[in-house]
Amino acid sequence: MSTSNTTAVPEAKGALDRFKFEVANELGVPLTDGYNGNLTSKQNGSVGGYMVKKMIEAQERQMSGNSQMSGTTMR
């Protein structure tokens, strides 16, 4: 298994980037397009962690047959 920071499905990169900015906005993290070295590890980690939580919730809903998502949506 690779640990590099690459997208497993390159076609999803744009959607993941939009999702990242939606989550950052929802959490109040001032994420910008470009350099974000001014953000703390806690801020960056909260965005990534919340993204994973939302993706797991969406997958669980899909597996249960309920495809509706609450809150942030993945497009």
PDB file of N, CA and C in Angstrom:
ATOM      1  N   MET A   1       0.845  -1.190   0.000  1.00  0.00           N
ATOM      2  CA  MET A   1       0.000   0.000   0.000  1.00  0.00           C
ATOM      3  C   MET A   1       0.882   1.242   0.000  1.00  0.00           C
ATOM      4  N   SER A   2       0.534   2.180  -0.825  1.00  0.00           N
ATOM      5  CA  SER A   2       1.305   3.416  -0.957  1.00  0.00           C
ATOM      6  C   SER A   2       0.893   4.434   0.098  1.00  0.00           C
ATOM      7  N   THR A   3       1.857   5.179   0.606  1.00  0.00           N
ATOM      8  CA  THR A   3       1.546   6.223   1.583  1.00  0.00           C
ATOM      9  C   THR A   3       1.771   7.607   1.001  1.00  0.00           C
ATOM     10  N   SER A   4       1.954   7.682  -0.311  1.00  0.00           N
ATOM     11  CA  SER A   4       2.160   8.994  -0.937  1.00  0.00           C
ATOM     12  C   SER A   4       0.863   9.791  -0.935  1.00  0.00           C
ATOM     13  N   ASN A   5       0.998  11.082  -1.103  1.00  0.00           N
ATOM     14  CA  ASN A   5      -0.158  11.969  -1.076  1.00  0.00           C
ATOM     15  C   ASN A   5      -0.705  12.151  -2.488  1.00  0.00           C
ATOM     16  N   THR A   6      -1.129  11.042  -3.103  1.00  0.00           N
ATOM     17  CA  THR A   6      -1.718  11.107  -4.432  1.00  0.00           C
ATOM     18  C   THR A   6      -3.147  10.595  -4.368  1.00  0.00           C
ATOM     19  N   THR A   7      -3.959  11.035  -5.306  1.00  0.00           N
ATOM     20  CA  THR A   7      -5.353  10.623  -5.364  1.00  0.00           C
ATOM     21  C   THR A   7      -5.428   9.253  -6.022  1.00  0.00           C
ATOM     22  N   ALA A   8      -6.086   8.295  -5.374  1.00  0.00           N
ATOM     23  CA  ALA A   8      -6.223   6.951  -5.917  1.00  0.00           C
ATOM     24  C   ALA A   8      -6.997   6.965  -7.231  1.00  0.00           C
ATOM     25  N   VAL A   9      -7.984   7.834  -7.327  1.00  0.00           N
ATOM     26  CA  VAL A   9      -8.777   7.981  -8.552  1.00  0.00           C
ATOM     27  C   VAL A   9      -8.567   9.418  -9.033  1.00  0.00           C
ATOM     28  N   PRO A  10      -7.636   9.616  -9.972  1.00  0.00           N
ATOM     29  CA  PRO A  10      -7.307  10.987 -10.409  1.00  0.00           C
ATOM     30  C   PRO A  10      -8.514  11.823 -10.833  1.00  0.00           C
ATOM     31  N   GLU A  11      -9.540  11.173 -11.398  1.00  0.00           N
ATOM     32  CA  GLU A  11     -10.733  11.903 -11.841  1.00  0.00           C
ATOM     33  C   GLU A  11     -11.491  12.526 -10.670  1.00  0.00           C
ATOM     34  N   ALA A  12     -11.238  12.073  -9.454  1.00  0.00           N
ATOM     35  CA  ALA A  12     -11.940  12.582  -8.279  1.00  0.00           C
ATOM     36  C   ALA A  12     -11.236  13.769  -7.633  1.00  0.00           C
ATOM     37  N   LYS A  13     -10.057  14.138  -8.113  1.00  0.00           N
ATOM     38  CA  LYS A  13      -9.266  15.187  -7.471  1.00  0.00           C
ATOM     39  C   LYS A  13     -10.025  16.503  -7.336  1.00  0.00           C
ATOM     40  N   GLY A  14     -10.680  16.942  -8.382  1.00  0.00           N
ATOM     41  CA  GLY A  14     -11.428  18.204  -8.332  1.00  0.00           C
ATOM     42  C   GLY A  14     -12.536  18.173  -7.294  1.00  0.00           C
ATOM     43  N   ALA A  15     -13.281  17.071  -7.256  1.00  0.00           N
ATOM     44  CA  ALA A  15     -14.373  16.942  -6.285  1.00  0.00           C
ATOM     45  C   ALA A  15     -13.821  16.906  -4.867  1.00  0.00           C
ATOM     46  N   LEU A  16     -12.706  16.224  -4.660  1.00  0.00           N
ATOM     47  CA  LEU A  16     -12.105  16.167  -3.330  1.00  0.00           C
ATOM     48  C   LEU A  16     -11.606  17.537  -2.889  1.00  0.00           C
ATOM     49  N   ASP A  17     -11.039  18.290  -3.814  1.00  0.00           N
ATOM     50  CA  ASP A  17     -10.584  19.645  -3.482  1.00  0.00           C
ATOM     51  C   ASP A  17     -11.761  20.531  -3.079  1.00  0.00           C
ATOM     52  N   ARG A  18     -12.856  20.459  -3.832  1.00  0.00           N
ATOM     53  CA  ARG A  18     -14.053  21.246  -3.482  1.00  0.00           C
ATOM     54  C   ARG A  18     -14.587  20.824  -2.122  1.00  0.00           C
ATOM     55  N   PHE A  19     -14.611  19.517  -1.876  1.00  0.00           N
ATOM     56  CA  PHE A  19     -15.081  18.986  -0.606  1.00  0.00           C
ATOM     57  C   PHE A  19     -14.201  19.482   0.538  1.00  0.00           C
ATOM     58  N   LYS A  20     -12.895  19.513   0.325  1.00  0.00           N
ATOM     59  CA  LYS A  20     -11.956  19.985   1.344  1.00  0.00           C
ATOM     60  C   LYS A  20     -12.248  21.436   1.709  1.00  0.00           C
ATOM     61  N   PHE A  21     -12.498  22.282   0.712  1.00  0.00           N
ATOM     62  CA  PHE A  21     -12.780  23.688   0.982  1.00  0.00           C
ATOM     63  C   PHE A  21     -14.138  23.866   1.657  1.00  0.00           C
ATOM     64  N   GLU A  22     -15.129  23.029   1.287  1.00  0.00           N
ATOM     65  CA  GLU A  22     -16.436  23.087   1.955  1.00  0.00           C
ATOM     66  C   GLU A  22     -16.304  22.743   3.434  1.00  0.00           C
ATOM     67  N   VAL A  23     -15.529  21.678   3.717  1.00  0.00           N
ATOM     68  CA  VAL A  23     -15.327  21.249   5.099  1.00  0.00           C
ATOM     69  C   VAL A  23     -14.566  22.321   5.873  1.00  0.00           C
ATOM     70  N   ALA A  24     -13.508  22.862   5.284  1.00  0.00           N
ATOM     71  CA  ALA A  24     -12.726  23.904   5.958  1.00  0.00           C
ATOM     72  C   ALA A  24     -13.609  25.099   6.286  1.00  0.00           C
ATOM     73  N   ASN A  25     -14.449  25.494   5.344  1.00  0.00           N
ATOM     74  CA  ASN A  25     -15.363  26.612   5.569  1.00  0.00           C
ATOM     75  C   ASN A  25     -16.343  26.294   6.695  1.00  0.00           C
ATOM     76  N   GLU A  26     -16.879  25.080   6.681  1.00  0.00           N
ATOM     77  CA  GLU A  26     -17.827  24.665   7.713  1.00  0.00           C
ATOM     78  C   GLU A  26     -17.188  24.678   9.104  1.00  0.00           C
ATOM     79  N   LEU A  27     -15.894  24.332   9.170  1.00  0.00           N
ATOM     80  CA  LEU A  27     -15.184  24.295  10.446  1.00  0.00           C
ATOM     81  C   LEU A  27     -14.566  25.637  10.830  1.00  0.00           C
ATOM     82  N   GLY A  28     -14.632  26.611   9.919  1.00  0.00           N
ATOM     83  CA  GLY A  28     -14.051  27.923  10.200  1.00  0.00           C
ATOM     84  C   GLY A  28     -12.542  27.968  10.041  1.00  0.00           C
ATOM     85  N   VAL A  29     -11.991  27.040   9.276  1.00  0.00           N
ATOM     86  CA  VAL A  29     -10.545  27.009   9.021  1.00  0.00           C
ATOM     87  C   VAL A  29     -10.273  27.829   7.760  1.00  0.00           C
ATOM     88  N   PRO A  30      -9.421  28.860   7.858  1.00  0.00           N
ATOM     89  CA  PRO A  30      -9.183  29.749   6.712  1.00  0.00           C
ATOM     90  C   PRO A  30      -8.254  29.136   5.662  1.00  0.00           C
ATOM     91  N   LEU A  31      -8.694  28.073   5.026  1.00  0.00           N
ATOM     92  CA  LEU A  31      -7.920  27.377   3.999  1.00  0.00           C
ATOM     93  C   LEU A  31      -7.921  28.195   2.716  1.00  0.00           C
ATOM     94  N   THR A  32      -6.762  28.313   2.095  1.00  0.00           N
ATOM     95  CA  THR A  32      -6.677  29.042   0.830  1.00  0.00           C
ATOM     96  C   THR A  32      -6.173  28.111  -0.252  1.00  0.00           C
ATOM     97  N   ASP A  33      -6.372  28.505  -1.490  1.00  0.00           N
ATOM     98  CA  ASP A  33      -5.861  27.746  -2.626  1.00  0.00           C
ATOM     99  C   ASP A  33      -4.406  28.142  -2.799  1.00  0.00           C
ATOM    100  N   GLY A  34      -3.514  27.288  -2.404  1.00  0.00           N
ATOM    101  CA  GLY A  34      -2.087  27.589  -2.449  1.00  0.00           C
ATOM    102  C   GLY A  34      -1.438  27.296  -1.119  1.00  0.00           C
ATOM    103  N   TYR A  35      -0.529  28.139  -0.694  1.00  0.00           N
ATOM    104  CA  TYR A  35       0.233  27.936   0.534  1.00  0.00           C
ATOM    105  C   TYR A  35      -0.642  28.082   1.777  1.00  0.00           C
ATOM    106  N   ASN A  36      -0.581  27.085   2.657  1.00  0.00           N
ATOM    107  CA  ASN A  36      -1.340  27.113   3.907  1.00  0.00           C
ATOM    108  C   ASN A  36      -0.451  26.813   5.105  1.00  0.00           C
ATOM    109  N   GLY A  37       0.828  27.159   4.994  1.00  0.00           N
ATOM    110  CA  GLY A  37       1.781  26.899   6.063  1.00  0.00           C
ATOM    111  C   GLY A  37       1.513  27.697   7.325  1.00  0.00           C
ATOM    112  N   ASN A  38       0.644  28.688   7.230  1.00  0.00           N
ATOM    113  CA  ASN A  38       0.282  29.491   8.394  1.00  0.00           C
ATOM    114  C   ASN A  38      -0.738  28.785   9.288  1.00  0.00           C
ATOM    115  N   LEU A  39      -1.339  27.703   8.799  1.00  0.00           N
ATOM    116  CA  LEU A  39      -2.331  26.968   9.579  1.00  0.00           C
ATOM    117  C   LEU A  39      -1.636  25.980  10.511  1.00  0.00           C
ATOM    118  N   THR A  40      -2.245  25.725  11.643  1.00  0.00           N
ATOM    119  CA  THR A  40      -1.666  24.787  12.605  1.00  0.00           C
ATOM    120  C   THR A  40      -1.956  23.347  12.180  1.00  0.00           C
ATOM    121  N   SER A  41      -1.201  22.420  12.752  1.00  0.00           N
ATOM    122  CA  SER A  41      -1.451  20.999  12.500  1.00  0.00           C
ATOM    123  C   SER A  41      -2.857  20.636  12.949  1.00  0.00           C
ATOM    124  N   LYS A  42      -3.304  21.228  14.041  1.00  0.00           N
ATOM    125  CA  LYS A  42      -4.646  20.961  14.552  1.00  0.00           C
ATOM    126  C   LYS A  42      -5.705  21.391  13.544  1.00  0.00           C
ATOM    127  N   GLN A  43      -5.529  22.588  12.941  1.00  0.00           N
ATOM    128  CA  GLN A  43      -6.498  23.066  11.957  1.00  0.00           C
ATOM    129  C   GLN A  43      -6.532  22.147  10.739  1.00  0.00           C
ATOM    130  N   ASN A  44      -5.351  21.826  10.210  1.00  0.00           N
ATOM    131  CA  ASN A  44      -5.284  20.959   9.037  1.00  0.00           C
ATOM    132  C   ASN A  44      -5.829  19.577   9.354  1.00  0.00           C
ATOM    133  N   GLY A  45      -5.492  19.052  10.524  1.00  0.00           N
ATOM    134  CA  GLY A  45      -5.964  17.735  10.917  1.00  0.00           C
ATOM    135  C   GLY A  45      -7.462  17.684  11.094  1.00  0.00           C
ATOM    136  N   SER A  46      -8.046  18.775  11.588  1.00  0.00           N
ATOM    137  CA  SER A  46      -9.494  18.796  11.771  1.00  0.00           C
ATOM    138  C   SER A  46     -10.207  18.722  10.430  1.00  0.00           C
ATOM    139  N   VAL A  47      -9.652  19.376   9.415  1.00  0.00           N
ATOM    140  CA  VAL A  47     -10.256  19.330   8.079  1.00  0.00           C
ATOM    141  C   VAL A  47     -10.173  17.903   7.530  1.00  0.00           C
ATOM    142  N   GLY A  48      -8.987  17.320   7.566  1.00  0.00           N
ATOM    143  CA  GLY A  48      -8.822  15.958   7.062  1.00  0.00           C
ATOM    144  C   GLY A  48      -9.654  14.951   7.830  1.00  0.00           C
ATOM    145  N   GLY A  49      -9.677  15.069   9.142  1.00  0.00           N
ATOM    146  CA  GLY A  49     -10.449  14.147   9.960  1.00  0.00           C
ATOM    147  C   GLY A  49     -11.936  14.235   9.692  1.00  0.00           C
ATOM    148  N   TYR A  50     -12.443  15.460   9.523  1.00  0.00           N
ATOM    149  CA  TYR A  50     -13.867  15.642   9.265  1.00  0.00           C
ATOM    150  C   TYR A  50     -14.230  15.148   7.870  1.00  0.00           C
ATOM    151  N   MET A  51     -13.307  15.321   6.918  1.00  0.00           N
ATOM    152  CA  MET A  51     -13.539  14.793   5.574  1.00  0.00           C
ATOM    153  C   MET A  51     -13.700  13.271   5.627  1.00  0.00           C
ATOM    154  N   VAL A  52     -12.805  12.618   6.352  1.00  0.00           N
ATOM    155  CA  VAL A  52     -12.869  11.161   6.468  1.00  0.00           C
ATOM    156  C   VAL A  52     -14.168  10.741   7.139  1.00  0.00           C
ATOM    157  N   LYS A  53     -14.554  11.438   8.199  1.00  0.00           N
ATOM    158  CA  LYS A  53     -15.802  11.120   8.898  1.00  0.00           C
ATOM    159  C   LYS A  53     -16.981  11.212   7.941  1.00  0.00           C
ATOM    160  N   LYS A  54     -17.052  12.287   7.161  1.00  0.00           N
ATOM    161  CA  LYS A  54     -18.160  12.481   6.228  1.00  0.00           C
ATOM    162  C   LYS A  54     -18.152  11.431   5.119  1.00  0.00           C
ATOM    163  N   MET A  55     -16.962  11.058   4.642  1.00  0.00           N
ATOM    164  CA  MET A  55     -16.880  10.048   3.586  1.00  0.00           C
ATOM    165  C   MET A  55     -17.311   8.675   4.116  1.00  0.00           C
ATOM    166  N   ILE A  56     -16.937   8.355   5.335  1.00  0.00           N
ATOM    167  CA  ILE A  56     -17.362   7.088   5.932  1.00  0.00           C
ATOM    168  C   ILE A  56     -18.873   7.077   6.119  1.00  0.00           C
ATOM    169  N   GLU A  57     -19.433   8.185   6.607  1.00  0.00           N
ATOM    170  CA  GLU A  57     -20.886   8.273   6.769  1.00  0.00           C
ATOM    171  C   GLU A  57     -21.588   8.076   5.429  1.00  0.00           C
ATOM    172  N   ALA A  58     -21.074   8.708   4.370  1.00  0.00           N
ATOM    173  CA  ALA A  58     -21.688   8.587   3.049  1.00  0.00           C
ATOM    174  C   ALA A  58     -21.621   7.142   2.558  1.00  0.00           C
ATOM    175  N   GLN A  59     -20.497   6.478   2.779  1.00  0.00           N
ATOM    176  CA  GLN A  59     -20.352   5.091   2.353  1.00  0.00           C
ATOM    177  C   GLN A  59     -21.286   4.178   3.140  1.00  0.00           C
ATOM    178  N   GLU A  60     -21.406   4.420   4.436  1.00  0.00           N
ATOM    179  CA  GLU A  60     -22.325   3.626   5.259  1.00  0.00           C
ATOM    180  C   GLU A  60     -23.759   3.788   4.783  1.00  0.00           C
ATOM    181  N   ARG A  61     -24.149   5.027   4.442  1.00  0.00           N
ATOM    182  CA  ARG A  61     -25.498   5.267   3.941  1.00  0.00           C
ATOM    183  C   ARG A  61     -25.712   4.533   2.622  1.00  0.00           C
ATOM    184  N   GLN A  62     -24.703   4.608   1.757  1.00  0.00           N
ATOM    185  CA  GLN A  62     -24.814   3.944   0.459  1.00  0.00           C
ATOM    186  C   GLN A  62     -24.942   2.430   0.655  1.00  0.00           C
ATOM    187  N   MET A  63     -24.178   1.875   1.564  1.00  0.00           N
ATOM    188  CA  MET A  63     -24.218   0.434   1.814  1.00  0.00           C
ATOM    189  C   MET A  63     -25.540   0.006   2.442  1.00  0.00           C
ATOM    190  N   SER A  64     -26.178   0.916   3.178  1.00  0.00           N
ATOM    191  CA  SER A  64     -27.452   0.588   3.813  1.00  0.00           C
ATOM    192  C   SER A  64     -28.636   0.865   2.887  1.00  0.00           C
ATOM    193  N   GLY A  65     -28.361   1.447   1.726  1.00  0.00           N
ATOM    194  CA  GLY A  65     -29.422   1.741   0.778  1.00  0.00           C
ATOM    195  C   GLY A  65     -30.005   3.110   0.895  1.00  0.00           C
ATOM    196  N   ASN A  66     -29.505   3.935   1.828  1.00  0.00           N
ATOM    197  CA  ASN A  66     -29.984   5.304   2.011  1.00  0.00           C
ATOM    198  C   ASN A  66     -28.896   6.236   1.522  1.00  0.00           C
ATOM    199  N   SER A  67     -29.042   6.806   0.336  1.00  0.00           N
ATOM    200  CA  SER A  67     -27.980   7.610  -0.254  1.00  0.00           C
ATOM    201  C   SER A  67     -28.037   9.094   0.112  1.00  0.00           C
ATOM    202  N   GLN A  68     -28.981   9.507   0.973  1.00  0.00           N
ATOM    203  CA  GLN A  68     -29.053  10.906   1.371  1.00  0.00           C
ATOM    204  C   GLN A  68     -27.930  11.244   2.323  1.00  0.00           C
ATOM    205  N   MET A  69     -27.375  12.445   2.176  1.00  0.00           N
ATOM    206  CA  MET A  69     -26.328  12.924   3.081  1.00  0.00           C
ATOM    207  C   MET A  69     -26.857  14.147   3.806  1.00  0.00           C
ATOM    208  N   SER A  70     -26.483  14.286   5.060  1.00  0.00           N
ATOM    209  CA  SER A  70     -26.840  15.494   5.804  1.00  0.00           C
ATOM    210  C   SER A  70     -25.593  16.352   5.936  1.00  0.00           C
ATOM    211  N   GLY A  71     -25.780  17.644   6.004  1.00  0.00           N
ATOM    212  CA  GLY A  71     -24.640  18.554   6.178  1.00  0.00           C
ATOM    213  C   GLY A  71     -23.895  18.715   4.873  1.00  0.00           C
ATOM    214  N   THR A  72     -22.592  18.626   4.915  1.00  0.00           N
ATOM    215  CA  THR A  72     -21.741  18.815   3.747  1.00  0.00           C
ATOM    216  C   THR A  72     -22.016  17.730   2.723  1.00  0.00           C
ATOM    217  N   THR A  73     -22.075  18.124   1.462  1.00  0.00           N
ATOM    218  CA  THR A  73     -22.317  17.160   0.407  1.00  0.00           C
ATOM    219  C   THR A  73     -21.092  16.990  -0.461  1.00  0.00           C
ATOM    220  N   MET A  74     -20.895  15.789  -0.929  1.00  0.00           N
ATOM    221  CA  MET A  74     -19.817  15.525  -1.883  1.00  0.00           C
ATOM    222  C   MET A  74     -20.434  15.588  -3.266  1.00  0.00           C
ATOM    223  N   ARG A  75     -19.801  16.299  -4.170  1.00  0.00           N
ATOM    224  CA  ARG A  75     -20.335  16.429  -5.534  1.00  0.00           C
ATOM    225  C   ARG A  75     -19.434  15.751  -6.507  1.00  0.00           C
TER     226      ARG A  75
END
